[in-house]
Amino acid sequence: MKQMRIMAIAIISVALLLLASGCTQPATNTTVPVTEIRIGYQPSTHQVAHMVAMDKGWWQQDLAPFGIVKVTDYVFPTGAPEMQAMLAGDIDVAYVGAAPVLSAASTGLDAKIVAAVNTEGSDLVLRSGLSYTGPQSLKGLKIATFQAGTIQDTILRNWLKENGIDPEKDVTIVGMGPGDAVTAITAGQVDAVFLPHPSPSIIEANGKGMIIVHSGEMYPNHTCCVLVVSGKLIREHPEIVGQIVKTHIRASDFARQNLNETAEIYARKNSANVEEIKASLRDWDGDFVTDPNVIINPVLDYARIQYDLGYIKKSLTQSDLFDLSFYAKVKG
């Protein structure tokens, strides 16, 4: 009996040593293969890089070697419902304004910004028949823009405050998607709109309004849209995320260098007037950018503004919002 006890103790000791040294059977990889990538976007020239990659077949071609057999895209009117879809796990990738990402991140969104998409590119448009002599002349007007928490809403409210106008008392701001806002100013139901392109150019081309202030004048070099990827995809399939960033850079470079063809792609995707889209890309103050490093400070500034406006209840840091590693690896 004594010998059996000694033997049992010896066996247990060896097992503990093996466990401590890591000499155990490796854990089974439970990562589920991904065969479909779901991309959210909005009908704006800001996010035309996605449309270029979709039209050219680059998403499908570039992701196929990683086992992706299907790339599906979903259009959203603004960033708020798009982020709700990402929170619900309905999309894996989002082309979206930076501001809605902040709202979602403050409520637990498991995702990171992996690349920039564009800067500036929105305009304040005054209804035909009204006159503009400066920010103070907007007092008493009804202005349509995207919903609370979006880039346009954030920039507009901050700019009004900086010019001594109380956005809650001196003007009436109503949240609308781009289609509804264009209809509203055309019908005279609102006095002005603050929208991303191509809507301002379309309103002006149809004689229903006049562009009076570019968003770059309200907030010089401001970030607008960003590329966001789910945390699950980042953790479980980093090689796919790396290719998503690479394809996005390719499509952005194409859009910047081929404005007319890019306008044609946008017009086909959104059943738009191609000449109006060409005018939008020619006249806007926006630019297609991809480097996330150049947008860190503006995005953190948005977080401060949203906190001050009461849109988010906690401050957000760079590590809360960004994963710069994929862009750095792609660029070497």
C-alpha atoms as a PDB file:
ATOM      1  CA  MET A   1       0.000   0.000   0.000  1.00  0.00           C
ATOM      2  CA  LYS A   2       2.853   2.316   0.859  1.00  0.00           C
ATOM      3  CA  GLN A   3       4.475   1.662  -2.525  1.00  0.00           C
ATOM      4  CA  MET A   4       1.147   2.393  -4.316  1.00  0.00           C
ATOM      5  CA  ARG A   5       0.812   5.715  -2.494  1.00  0.00           C
ATOM      6  CA  ILE A   6       4.349   6.674  -3.461  1.00  0.00           C
ATOM      7  CA  MET A   7       3.660   5.737  -7.089  1.00  0.00           C
ATOM      8  CA  ALA A   8       0.432   7.780  -7.171  1.00  0.00           C
ATOM      9  CA  ILE A   9       2.210  10.809  -5.729  1.00  0.00           C
ATOM     10  CA  ALA A  10       4.958  10.437  -8.338  1.00  0.00           C
ATOM     11  CA  ILE A  11       2.427  10.289 -11.196  1.00  0.00           C
ATOM     12  CA  ILE A  12       0.624  13.384  -9.938  1.00  0.00           C
ATOM     13  CA  SER A  13       3.930  15.254  -9.574  1.00  0.00           C
ATOM     14  CA  VAL A  14       4.976  14.419 -13.152  1.00  0.00           C
ATOM     15  CA  ALA A  15       1.584  15.558 -14.458  1.00  0.00           C
ATOM     16  CA  LEU A  16       1.876  18.879 -12.628  1.00  0.00           C
ATOM     17  CA  LEU A  17       5.376  19.414 -13.996  1.00  0.00           C
ATOM     18  CA  LEU A  18       4.189  18.723 -17.533  1.00  0.00           C
ATOM     19  CA  LEU A  19       1.301  21.157 -17.114  1.00  0.00           C
ATOM     20  CA  ALA A  20       3.569  23.860 -15.730  1.00  0.00           C
ATOM     21  CA  SER A  21       6.059  23.446 -18.575  1.00  0.00           C
ATOM     22  CA  GLY A  22       3.335  23.701 -21.207  1.00  0.00           C
ATOM     23  CA  CYS A  23       3.743  20.092 -22.387  1.00  0.00           C
ATOM     24  CA  THR A  24       0.022  19.552 -22.814  1.00  0.00           C
ATOM     25  CA  GLN A  25      -2.165  18.900 -25.812  1.00  0.00           C
ATOM     26  CA  PRO A  26      -2.808  22.248 -27.617  1.00  0.00           C
ATOM     27  CA  ALA A  27      -6.346  23.584 -27.412  1.00  0.00           C
ATOM     28  CA  THR A  28      -8.558  22.918 -30.392  1.00  0.00           C
ATOM     29  CA  ASN A  29      -9.018  25.999 -32.642  1.00  0.00           C
ATOM     30  CA  THR A  30     -12.695  26.866 -32.425  1.00  0.00           C
ATOM     31  CA  THR A  31     -12.581  29.843 -34.823  1.00  0.00           C
ATOM     32  CA  VAL A  32     -15.455  29.557 -37.275  1.00  0.00           C
ATOM     33  CA  PRO A  33     -14.469  30.072 -40.933  1.00  0.00           C
ATOM     34  CA  VAL A  34     -15.933  33.194 -42.567  1.00  0.00           C
ATOM     35  CA  THR A  35     -17.403  32.858 -46.053  1.00  0.00           C
ATOM     36  CA  GLU A  36     -19.347  36.133 -46.340  1.00  0.00           C
ATOM     37  CA  ILE A  37     -18.424  39.745 -45.608  1.00  0.00           C
ATOM     38  CA  ARG A  38     -21.292  42.181 -45.019  1.00  0.00           C
ATOM     39  CA  ILE A  39     -20.513  45.850 -45.680  1.00  0.00           C
ATOM     40  CA  GLY A  40     -22.630  48.852 -44.674  1.00  0.00           C
ATOM     41  CA  TYR A  41     -22.441  52.186 -46.478  1.00  0.00           C
ATOM     42  CA  GLN A  42     -24.455  55.340 -47.244  1.00  0.00           C
ATOM     43  CA  PRO A  43     -25.485  56.903 -50.582  1.00  0.00           C
ATOM     44  CA  SER A  44     -22.850  59.634 -50.475  1.00  0.00           C
ATOM     45  CA  THR A  45     -19.828  60.394 -52.624  1.00  0.00           C
ATOM     46  CA  HIS A  46     -17.883  60.372 -49.353  1.00  0.00           C
ATOM     47  CA  GLN A  47     -18.056  56.587 -49.391  1.00  0.00           C
ATOM     48  CA  VAL A  48     -17.617  56.016 -53.114  1.00  0.00           C
ATOM     49  CA  ALA A  49     -14.443  53.968 -52.515  1.00  0.00           C
ATOM     50  CA  HIS A  50     -16.673  51.105 -51.421  1.00  0.00           C
ATOM     51  CA  MET A  51     -18.797  51.489 -54.555  1.00  0.00           C
ATOM     52  CA  VAL A  52     -15.694  51.458 -56.748  1.00  0.00           C
ATOM     53  CA  ALA A  53     -14.420  48.253 -55.127  1.00  0.00           C
ATOM     54  CA  MET A  54     -17.858  46.665 -55.495  1.00  0.00           C
ATOM     55  CA  ASP A  55     -18.300  47.759 -59.118  1.00  0.00           C
ATOM     56  CA  LYS A  56     -14.819  46.595 -60.128  1.00  0.00           C
ATOM     57  CA  GLY A  57     -15.272  43.250 -58.392  1.00  0.00           C
ATOM     58  CA  TRP A  58     -12.249  43.944 -56.183  1.00  0.00           C
ATOM     59  CA  TRP A  59     -13.929  42.974 -52.929  1.00  0.00           C
ATOM     60  CA  GLN A  60     -14.790  39.552 -54.304  1.00  0.00           C
ATOM     61  CA  GLN A  61     -11.479  39.003 -56.090  1.00  0.00           C
ATOM     62  CA  ASP A  62      -9.251  40.199 -53.274  1.00  0.00           C
ATOM     63  CA  LEU A  63     -11.071  38.339 -50.488  1.00  0.00           C
ATOM     64  CA  ALA A  64     -11.595  35.053 -52.345  1.00  0.00           C
ATOM     65  CA  PRO A  65      -8.138  33.683 -51.394  1.00  0.00           C
ATOM     66  CA  PHE A  66      -9.205  33.975 -47.744  1.00  0.00           C
ATOM     67  CA  GLY A  67     -12.266  31.777 -48.221  1.00  0.00           C
ATOM     68  CA  ILE A  68     -14.783  34.579 -48.854  1.00  0.00           C
ATOM     69  CA  VAL A  69     -17.346  33.438 -51.405  1.00  0.00           C
ATOM     70  CA  LYS A  70     -19.833  36.291 -51.031  1.00  0.00           C
ATOM     71  CA  VAL A  71     -19.596  40.041 -50.374  1.00  0.00           C
ATOM     72  CA  THR A  72     -22.917  41.704 -49.601  1.00  0.00           C
ATOM     73  CA  ASP A  73     -23.512  45.418 -49.095  1.00  0.00           C
ATOM     74  CA  TYR A  74     -26.344  47.211 -47.339  1.00  0.00           C
ATOM     75  CA  VAL A  75     -27.243  50.877 -47.784  1.00  0.00           C
ATOM     76  CA  PHE A  76     -28.248  53.054 -44.814  1.00  0.00           C
ATOM     77  CA  PRO A  77     -29.645  56.612 -44.919  1.00  0.00           C
ATOM     78  CA  THR A  78     -27.316  57.862 -42.142  1.00  0.00           C
ATOM     79  CA  GLY A  79     -24.729  56.603 -39.703  1.00  0.00           C
ATOM     80  CA  ALA A  80     -27.030  56.122 -36.706  1.00  0.00           C
ATOM     81  CA  PRO A  81     -29.010  53.145 -38.087  1.00  0.00           C
ATOM     82  CA  GLU A  82     -25.835  51.778 -39.645  1.00  0.00           C
ATOM     83  CA  MET A  83     -24.156  51.639 -36.238  1.00  0.00           C
ATOM     84  CA  GLN A  84     -27.257  50.040 -34.765  1.00  0.00           C
ATOM     85  CA  ALA A  85     -26.880  47.308 -37.384  1.00  0.00           C
ATOM     86  CA  MET A  86     -23.232  46.828 -36.415  1.00  0.00           C
ATOM     87  CA  LEU A  87     -24.124  46.706 -32.728  1.00  0.00           C
ATOM     88  CA  ALA A  88     -26.633  43.975 -33.574  1.00  0.00           C
ATOM     89  CA  GLY A  89     -23.987  42.010 -35.481  1.00  0.00           C
ATOM     90  CA  ASP A  90     -25.726  42.451 -38.847  1.00  0.00           C
ATOM     91  CA  ILE A  91     -22.707  43.937 -40.661  1.00  0.00           C
ATOM     92  CA  ASP A  92     -18.982  43.241 -40.362  1.00  0.00           C
ATOM     93  CA  VAL A  93     -17.577  46.362 -42.034  1.00  0.00           C
ATOM     94  CA  ALA A  94     -18.915  49.919 -42.109  1.00  0.00           C
ATOM     95  CA  TYR A  95     -18.197  52.987 -44.186  1.00  0.00           C
ATOM     96  CA  VAL A  96     -19.612  55.564 -41.801  1.00  0.00           C
ATOM     97  CA  GLY A  97     -19.108  59.018 -40.332  1.00  0.00           C
ATOM     98  CA  ALA A  98     -16.738  59.122 -37.373  1.00  0.00           C
ATOM     99  CA  ALA A  99     -19.296  60.701 -35.042  1.00  0.00           C
ATOM    100  CA  PRO A 100     -21.829  57.823 -35.025  1.00  0.00           C
ATOM    101  CA  VAL A 101     -18.949  55.488 -34.190  1.00  0.00           C
ATOM    102  CA  LEU A 102     -18.359  57.499 -31.023  1.00  0.00           C
ATOM    103  CA  SER A 103     -21.978  57.177 -29.944  1.00  0.00           C
ATOM    104  CA  ALA A 104     -21.911  53.442 -30.578  1.00  0.00           C
ATOM    105  CA  ALA A 105     -18.513  52.957 -28.903  1.00  0.00           C
ATOM    106  CA  SER A 106     -19.766  54.715 -25.778  1.00  0.00           C
ATOM    107  CA  THR A 107     -22.544  52.117 -25.517  1.00  0.00           C
ATOM    108  CA  GLY A 108     -20.382  49.048 -26.072  1.00  0.00           C
ATOM    109  CA  LEU A 109     -19.730  48.690 -29.812  1.00  0.00           C
ATOM    110  CA  ASP A 110     -17.114  45.978 -30.357  1.00  0.00           C
ATOM    111  CA  ALA A 111     -15.335  47.469 -33.373  1.00  0.00           C
ATOM    112  CA  LYS A 112     -12.391  49.675 -34.333  1.00  0.00           C
ATOM    113  CA  ILE A 113     -11.557  52.322 -36.917  1.00  0.00           C
ATOM    114  CA  VAL A 114      -8.887  50.764 -39.155  1.00  0.00           C
ATOM    115  CA  ALA A 115      -8.612  53.422 -41.883  1.00  0.00           C
ATOM    116  CA  ALA A 116      -9.782  56.886 -42.858  1.00  0.00           C
ATOM    117  CA  VAL A 117     -12.210  57.357 -45.768  1.00  0.00           C
ATOM    118  CA  ASN A 118     -12.555  61.091 -46.429  1.00  0.00           C
ATOM    119  CA  THR A 119     -12.203  64.580 -45.023  1.00  0.00           C
ATOM    120  CA  GLU A 120     -14.639  67.518 -45.298  1.00  0.00           C
ATOM    121  CA  GLY A 121     -17.201  67.359 -48.148  1.00  0.00           C
ATOM    122  CA  SER A 122     -20.473  68.653 -46.631  1.00  0.00           C
ATOM    123  CA  ASP A 123     -22.208  71.979 -47.339  1.00  0.00           C
ATOM    124  CA  LEU A 124     -24.766  74.281 -45.786  1.00  0.00           C
ATOM    125  CA  VAL A 125     -27.353  75.085 -48.474  1.00  0.00           C
ATOM    126  CA  LEU A 126     -29.844  77.967 -48.156  1.00  0.00           C
ATOM    127  CA  ARG A 127     -33.227  77.750 -49.850  1.00  0.00           C
ATOM    128  CA  SER A 128     -33.658  79.888 -52.950  1.00  0.00           C
ATOM    129  CA  GLY A 129     -35.218  83.264 -52.190  1.00  0.00           C
ATOM    130  CA  LEU A 130     -33.488  83.683 -48.833  1.00  0.00           C
ATOM    131  CA  SER A 131     -30.358  85.761 -48.271  1.00  0.00           C
ATOM    132  CA  TYR A 132     -27.233  84.979 -46.257  1.00  0.00           C
ATOM    133  CA  THR A 133     -25.079  87.693 -44.713  1.00  0.00           C
ATOM    134  CA  GLY A 134     -23.282  85.573 -42.120  1.00  0.00           C
ATOM    135  CA  PRO A 135     -24.083  83.048 -39.371  1.00  0.00           C
ATOM    136  CA  GLN A 136     -26.314  85.508 -37.487  1.00  0.00           C
ATOM    137  CA  SER A 137     -28.676  85.669 -40.475  1.00  0.00           C
ATOM    138  CA  LEU A 138     -29.581  82.021 -39.824  1.00  0.00           C
ATOM    139  CA  LYS A 139     -31.440  82.890 -36.612  1.00  0.00           C
ATOM    140  CA  GLY A 140     -35.065  81.844 -36.719  1.00  0.00           C
ATOM    141  CA  LEU A 141     -34.550  79.402 -39.600  1.00  0.00           C
ATOM    142  CA  LYS A 142     -35.379  75.702 -39.779  1.00  0.00           C
ATOM    143  CA  ILE A 143     -32.356  73.629 -40.807  1.00  0.00           C
ATOM    144  CA  ALA A 144     -32.432  69.971 -41.769  1.00  0.00           C
ATOM    145  CA  THR A 145     -29.363  67.780 -41.254  1.00  0.00           C
ATOM    146  CA  PHE A 146     -28.574  64.228 -40.250  1.00  0.00           C
ATOM    147  CA  GLN A 147     -29.782  62.926 -36.882  1.00  0.00           C
ATOM    148  CA  ALA A 148     -28.219  63.790 -33.542  1.00  0.00           C
ATOM    149  CA  GLY A 149     -24.819  62.223 -33.044  1.00  0.00           C
ATOM    150  CA  THR A 150     -23.798  62.271 -36.714  1.00  0.00           C
ATOM    151  CA  ILE A 151     -20.878  64.188 -38.220  1.00  0.00           C
ATOM    152  CA  GLN A 152     -23.130  66.796 -39.833  1.00  0.00           C
ATOM    153  CA  ASP A 153     -25.203  67.372 -36.688  1.00  0.00           C
ATOM    154  CA  THR A 154     -22.062  67.597 -34.532  1.00  0.00           C
ATOM    155  CA  ILE A 155     -20.234  70.052 -36.812  1.00  0.00           C
ATOM    156  CA  LEU A 156     -23.305  72.217 -37.424  1.00  0.00           C
ATOM    157  CA  ARG A 157     -24.169  72.589 -33.744  1.00  0.00           C
ATOM    158  CA  ASN A 158     -20.566  73.288 -32.767  1.00  0.00           C
ATOM    159  CA  TRP A 159     -20.169  75.888 -35.540  1.00  0.00           C
ATOM    160  CA  LEU A 160     -23.398  77.644 -34.540  1.00  0.00           C
ATOM    161  CA  LYS A 161     -22.253  77.807 -30.910  1.00  0.00           C
ATOM    162  CA  GLU A 162     -18.863  79.190 -31.951  1.00  0.00           C
ATOM    163  CA  ASN A 163     -20.706  81.954 -33.816  1.00  0.00           C
ATOM    164  CA  GLY A 164     -22.905  82.926 -30.876  1.00  0.00           C
ATOM    165  CA  ILE A 165     -26.016  81.050 -32.006  1.00  0.00           C
ATOM    166  CA  ASP A 166     -27.790  78.734 -29.575  1.00  0.00           C
ATOM    167  CA  PRO A 167     -28.638  75.595 -31.594  1.00  0.00           C
ATOM    168  CA  GLU A 168     -31.482  74.843 -29.188  1.00  0.00           C
ATOM    169  CA  LYS A 169     -33.120  78.285 -29.068  1.00  0.00           C
ATOM    170  CA  ASP A 170     -32.047  80.426 -32.016  1.00  0.00           C
ATOM    171  CA  VAL A 171     -32.678  77.906 -34.809  1.00  0.00           C
ATOM    172  CA  THR A 172     -34.751  74.771 -35.324  1.00  0.00           C
ATOM    173  CA  ILE A 173     -32.665  71.747 -36.280  1.00  0.00           C
ATOM    174  CA  VAL A 174     -34.508  68.708 -37.599  1.00  0.00           C
ATOM    175  CA  GLY A 175     -32.950  65.310 -38.229  1.00  0.00           C
ATOM    176  CA  MET A 176     -33.500  63.805 -41.680  1.00  0.00           C
ATOM    177  CA  GLY A 177     -31.868  61.443 -44.121  1.00  0.00           C
ATOM    178  CA  PRO A 178     -30.468  62.948 -47.335  1.00  0.00           C
ATOM    179  CA  GLY A 179     -33.442  62.093 -49.537  1.00  0.00           C
ATOM    180  CA  ASP A 180     -35.984  63.534 -47.126  1.00  0.00           C
ATOM    181  CA  ALA A 181     -33.888  66.663 -46.565  1.00  0.00           C
ATOM    182  CA  VAL A 182     -33.551  67.337 -50.303  1.00  0.00           C
ATOM    183  CA  THR A 183     -37.320  66.902 -50.684  1.00  0.00           C
ATOM    184  CA  ALA A 184     -37.966  69.208 -47.722  1.00  0.00           C
ATOM    185  CA  ILE A 185     -35.880  72.123 -49.024  1.00  0.00           C
ATOM    186  CA  THR A 186     -37.259  71.641 -52.534  1.00  0.00           C
ATOM    187  CA  ALA A 187     -40.798  71.874 -51.159  1.00  0.00           C
ATOM    188  CA  GLY A 188     -39.968  74.863 -48.950  1.00  0.00           C
ATOM    189  CA  GLN A 189     -40.582  72.894 -45.761  1.00  0.00           C
ATOM    190  CA  VAL A 190     -37.162  73.834 -44.366  1.00  0.00           C
ATOM    191  CA  ASP A 191     -35.051  76.942 -44.908  1.00  0.00           C
ATOM    192  CA  ALA A 192     -31.662  75.272 -45.168  1.00  0.00           C
ATOM    193  CA  VAL A 193     -29.941  71.900 -45.149  1.00  0.00           C
ATOM    194  CA  PHE A 194     -26.483  70.785 -44.074  1.00  0.00           C
ATOM    195  CA  LEU A 195     -25.680  67.598 -45.973  1.00  0.00           C
ATOM    196  CA  PRO A 196     -22.788  65.585 -47.379  1.00  0.00           C
ATOM    197  CA  HIS A 197     -22.218  65.526 -51.113  1.00  0.00           C
ATOM    198  CA  PRO A 198     -23.663  64.970 -53.632  1.00  0.00           C
ATOM    199  CA  SER A 199     -26.892  66.396 -52.138  1.00  0.00           C
ATOM    200  CA  PRO A 200     -25.714  70.059 -52.035  1.00  0.00           C
ATOM    201  CA  SER A 201     -24.728  69.991 -55.719  1.00  0.00           C
ATOM    202  CA  ILE A 202     -28.009  68.325 -56.686  1.00  0.00           C
ATOM    203  CA  ILE A 203     -30.056  70.991 -54.857  1.00  0.00           C
ATOM    204  CA  GLU A 204     -28.054  73.776 -56.467  1.00  0.00           C
ATOM    205  CA  ALA A 205     -28.204  72.212 -59.951  1.00  0.00           C
ATOM    206  CA  ASN A 206     -31.999  72.116 -59.702  1.00  0.00           C
ATOM    207  CA  GLY A 207     -32.225  75.779 -58.691  1.00  0.00           C
ATOM    208  CA  LYS A 208     -33.676  75.046 -55.256  1.00  0.00           C
ATOM    209  CA  GLY A 209     -30.880  76.432 -53.120  1.00  0.00           C
ATOM    210  CA  MET A 210     -27.417  77.934 -52.914  1.00  0.00           C
ATOM    211  CA  ILE A 211     -24.336  76.604 -51.150  1.00  0.00           C
ATOM    212  CA  ILE A 212     -23.326  79.233 -48.583  1.00  0.00           C
ATOM    213  CA  VAL A 213     -20.770  77.516 -46.311  1.00  0.00           C
ATOM    214  CA  HIS A 214     -18.497  74.510 -46.849  1.00  0.00           C
ATOM    215  CA  SER A 215     -17.911  72.191 -43.897  1.00  0.00           C
ATOM    216  CA  GLY A 216     -14.176  72.844 -44.270  1.00  0.00           C
ATOM    217  CA  GLU A 217     -14.889  76.476 -43.395  1.00  0.00           C
ATOM    218  CA  MET A 218     -16.788  75.386 -40.291  1.00  0.00           C
ATOM    219  CA  TYR A 219     -14.049  72.987 -39.186  1.00  0.00           C
ATOM    220  CA  PRO A 220     -10.914  73.064 -41.381  1.00  0.00           C
ATOM    221  CA  ASN A 221      -9.572  69.656 -42.455  1.00  0.00           C
ATOM    222  CA  HIS A 222     -12.175  67.852 -40.407  1.00  0.00           C
ATOM    223  CA  THR A 223     -12.555  64.098 -40.577  1.00  0.00           C
ATOM    224  CA  CYS A 224     -15.790  62.804 -42.004  1.00  0.00           C
ATOM    225  CA  CYS A 225     -16.085  59.120 -42.845  1.00  0.00           C
ATOM    226  CA  VAL A 226     -14.036  56.216 -41.531  1.00  0.00           C
ATOM    227  CA  LEU A 227     -13.681  52.489 -42.157  1.00  0.00           C
ATOM    228  CA  VAL A 228     -14.812  50.416 -39.174  1.00  0.00           C
ATOM    229  CA  VAL A 229     -14.384  46.656 -38.726  1.00  0.00           C
ATOM    230  CA  SER A 230     -15.975  44.440 -36.087  1.00  0.00           C
ATOM    231  CA  GLY A 231     -13.840  43.316 -33.169  1.00  0.00           C
ATOM    232  CA  LYS A 232     -14.738  39.701 -33.858  1.00  0.00           C
ATOM    233  CA  LEU A 233     -13.323  39.891 -37.388  1.00  0.00           C
ATOM    234  CA  ILE A 234     -10.197  41.676 -36.099  1.00  0.00           C
ATOM    235  CA  ARG A 235      -9.523  39.050 -33.435  1.00  0.00           C
ATOM    236  CA  GLU A 236     -10.416  35.910 -35.370  1.00  0.00           C
ATOM    237  CA  HIS A 237      -9.490  36.817 -38.961  1.00  0.00           C
ATOM    238  CA  PRO A 238      -6.822  39.537 -38.990  1.00  0.00           C
ATOM    239  CA  GLU A 239      -5.622  38.432 -42.427  1.00  0.00           C
ATOM    240  CA  ILE A 240      -9.049  39.281 -43.877  1.00  0.00           C
ATOM    241  CA  VAL A 241      -9.029  42.680 -42.176  1.00  0.00           C
ATOM    242  CA  GLY A 242      -5.603  43.396 -43.641  1.00  0.00           C
ATOM    243  CA  GLN A 243      -6.932  42.701 -47.138  1.00  0.00           C
ATOM    244  CA  ILE A 244     -10.020  44.850 -46.521  1.00  0.00           C
ATOM    245  CA  VAL A 245      -7.728  47.786 -45.705  1.00  0.00           C
ATOM    246  CA  LYS A 246      -5.568  47.062 -48.767  1.00  0.00           C
ATOM    247  CA  THR A 247      -8.579  46.954 -51.104  1.00  0.00           C
ATOM    248  CA  HIS A 248      -9.980  50.132 -49.557  1.00  0.00           C
ATOM    249  CA  ILE A 249      -6.701  51.953 -50.252  1.00  0.00           C
ATOM    250  CA  ARG A 250      -6.728  50.696 -53.850  1.00  0.00           C
ATOM    251  CA  ALA A 251     -10.307  51.892 -54.408  1.00  0.00           C
ATOM    252  CA  SER A 252      -9.656  55.268 -52.752  1.00  0.00           C
ATOM    253  CA  ASP A 253      -6.620  55.878 -54.953  1.00  0.00           C
ATOM    254  CA  PHE A 254      -8.696  55.021 -58.030  1.00  0.00           C
ATOM    255  CA  ALA A 255     -11.487  57.409 -56.991  1.00  0.00           C
ATOM    256  CA  ARG A 256      -9.044  60.255 -56.458  1.00  0.00           C
ATOM    257  CA  GLN A 257      -7.339  59.740 -59.813  1.00  0.00           C
ATOM    258  CA  ASN A 258     -10.400  58.952 -61.955  1.00  0.00           C
ATOM    259  CA  LEU A 259     -13.158  61.380 -60.978  1.00  0.00           C
ATOM    260  CA  ASN A 260     -15.290  61.000 -64.104  1.00  0.00           C
ATOM    261  CA  GLU A 261     -15.344  57.197 -64.040  1.00  0.00           C
ATOM    262  CA  THR A 262     -15.935  57.311 -60.299  1.00  0.00           C
ATOM    263  CA  ALA A 263     -18.942  59.577 -60.911  1.00  0.00           C
ATOM    264  CA  GLU A 264     -20.281  57.060 -63.438  1.00  0.00           C
ATOM    265  CA  ILE A 265     -19.887  54.231 -60.925  1.00  0.00           C
ATOM    266  CA  TYR A 266     -21.697  56.250 -58.267  1.00  0.00           C
ATOM    267  CA  ALA A 267     -24.497  57.182 -60.669  1.00  0.00           C
ATOM    268  CA  ARG A 268     -25.066  53.534 -61.633  1.00  0.00           C
ATOM    269  CA  LYS A 269     -25.068  52.356 -58.042  1.00  0.00           C
ATOM    270  CA  ASN A 270     -27.493  55.031 -56.863  1.00  0.00           C
ATOM    271  CA  SER A 271     -29.571  55.737 -60.005  1.00  0.00           C
ATOM    272  CA  ALA A 272     -28.275  59.323 -59.999  1.00  0.00           C
ATOM    273  CA  ASN A 273     -27.700  61.938 -62.683  1.00  0.00           C
ATOM    274  CA  VAL A 274     -24.081  61.412 -63.707  1.00  0.00           C
ATOM    275  CA  GLU A 275     -23.504  65.073 -64.626  1.00  0.00           C
ATOM    276  CA  GLU A 276     -24.655  66.182 -61.174  1.00  0.00           C
ATOM    277  CA  ILE A 277     -22.275  63.669 -59.588  1.00  0.00           C
ATOM    278  CA  LYS A 278     -19.389  64.891 -61.748  1.00  0.00           C
ATOM    279  CA  ALA A 279     -20.166  68.441 -60.614  1.00  0.00           C
ATOM    280  CA  SER A 280     -20.242  67.293 -56.993  1.00  0.00           C
ATOM    281  CA  LEU A 281     -16.820  65.631 -57.175  1.00  0.00           C
ATOM    282  CA  ARG A 282     -15.426  68.651 -59.012  1.00  0.00           C
ATOM    283  CA  ASP A 283     -16.796  71.323 -56.676  1.00  0.00           C
ATOM    284  CA  TRP A 284     -16.783  69.792 -53.179  1.00  0.00           C
ATOM    285  CA  ASP A 285     -14.091  70.626 -50.639  1.00  0.00           C
ATOM    286  CA  GLY A 286     -13.652  66.970 -49.705  1.00  0.00           C
ATOM    287  CA  ASP A 287     -10.785  64.558 -50.290  1.00  0.00           C
ATOM    288  CA  PHE A 288     -10.355  60.793 -50.217  1.00  0.00           C
ATOM    289  CA  VAL A 289      -7.841  59.856 -47.530  1.00  0.00           C
ATOM    290  CA  THR A 290      -6.969  56.483 -46.040  1.00  0.00           C
ATOM    291  CA  ASP A 291      -4.314  57.043 -43.352  1.00  0.00           C
ATOM    292  CA  PRO A 292      -5.984  56.705 -39.925  1.00  0.00           C
ATOM    293  CA  ASN A 293      -3.077  58.449 -38.218  1.00  0.00           C
ATOM    294  CA  VAL A 294      -4.053  61.830 -39.685  1.00  0.00           C
ATOM    295  CA  ILE A 295      -7.589  61.649 -38.293  1.00  0.00           C
ATOM    296  CA  ILE A 296      -6.852  60.671 -34.695  1.00  0.00           C
ATOM    297  CA  ASN A 297      -6.906  64.217 -33.276  1.00  0.00           C
ATOM    298  CA  PRO A 298     -10.075  65.338 -35.146  1.00  0.00           C
ATOM    299  CA  VAL A 299     -11.917  62.189 -34.058  1.00  0.00           C
ATOM    300  CA  LEU A 300     -10.900  62.699 -30.436  1.00  0.00           C
ATOM    301  CA  ASP A 301     -12.024  66.315 -30.777  1.00  0.00           C
ATOM    302  CA  TYR A 302     -15.438  65.049 -31.964  1.00  0.00           C
ATOM    303  CA  ALA A 303     -15.538  62.896 -28.841  1.00  0.00           C
ATOM    304  CA  ARG A 304     -14.966  65.990 -26.709  1.00  0.00           C
ATOM    305  CA  ILE A 305     -17.657  67.947 -28.591  1.00  0.00           C
ATOM    306  CA  GLN A 306     -20.157  65.085 -28.273  1.00  0.00           C
ATOM    307  CA  TYR A 307     -19.405  64.801 -24.571  1.00  0.00           C
ATOM    308  CA  ASP A 308     -19.983  68.550 -24.158  1.00  0.00           C
ATOM    309  CA  LEU A 309     -23.250  68.288 -26.127  1.00  0.00           C
ATOM    310  CA  GLY A 310     -24.366  65.440 -23.872  1.00  0.00           C
ATOM    311  CA  TYR A 311     -24.496  62.910 -26.708  1.00  0.00           C
ATOM    312  CA  ILE A 312     -22.075  60.526 -25.003  1.00  0.00           C
ATOM    313  CA  LYS A 313     -21.762  59.970 -21.276  1.00  0.00           C
ATOM    314  CA  LYS A 314     -18.065  59.105 -21.029  1.00  0.00           C
ATOM    315  CA  SER A 315     -14.828  60.283 -22.588  1.00  0.00           C
ATOM    316  CA  LEU A 316     -13.224  58.078 -25.238  1.00  0.00           C
ATOM    317  CA  THR A 317      -9.541  57.498 -25.931  1.00  0.00           C
ATOM    318  CA  GLN A 318      -7.529  56.562 -28.998  1.00  0.00           C
ATOM    319  CA  SER A 319      -7.261  52.945 -27.840  1.00  0.00           C
ATOM    320  CA  ASP A 320     -11.050  52.807 -27.448  1.00  0.00           C
ATOM    321  CA  LEU A 321     -11.563  53.774 -31.084  1.00  0.00           C
ATOM    322  CA  PHE A 322      -8.594  52.883 -33.297  1.00  0.00           C
ATOM    323  CA  ASP A 323      -6.566  49.893 -34.434  1.00  0.00           C
ATOM    324  CA  LEU A 324      -3.712  51.339 -36.496  1.00  0.00           C
ATOM    325  CA  SER A 325      -1.828  48.062 -36.933  1.00  0.00           C
ATOM    326  CA  PHE A 326      -3.494  46.958 -40.173  1.00  0.00           C
ATOM    327  CA  TYR A 327      -2.787  50.179 -42.036  1.00  0.00           C
ATOM    328  CA  ALA A 328       0.792  50.181 -40.748  1.00  0.00           C
ATOM    329  CA  LYS A 329       1.325  46.615 -41.977  1.00  0.00           C
ATOM    330  CA  VAL A 330      -0.174  47.305 -45.398  1.00  0.00           C
ATOM    331  CA  LYS A 331       2.013  50.388 -45.812  1.00  0.00           C
ATOM    332  CA  GLY A 332       5.093  48.642 -44.451  1.00  0.00           C
END
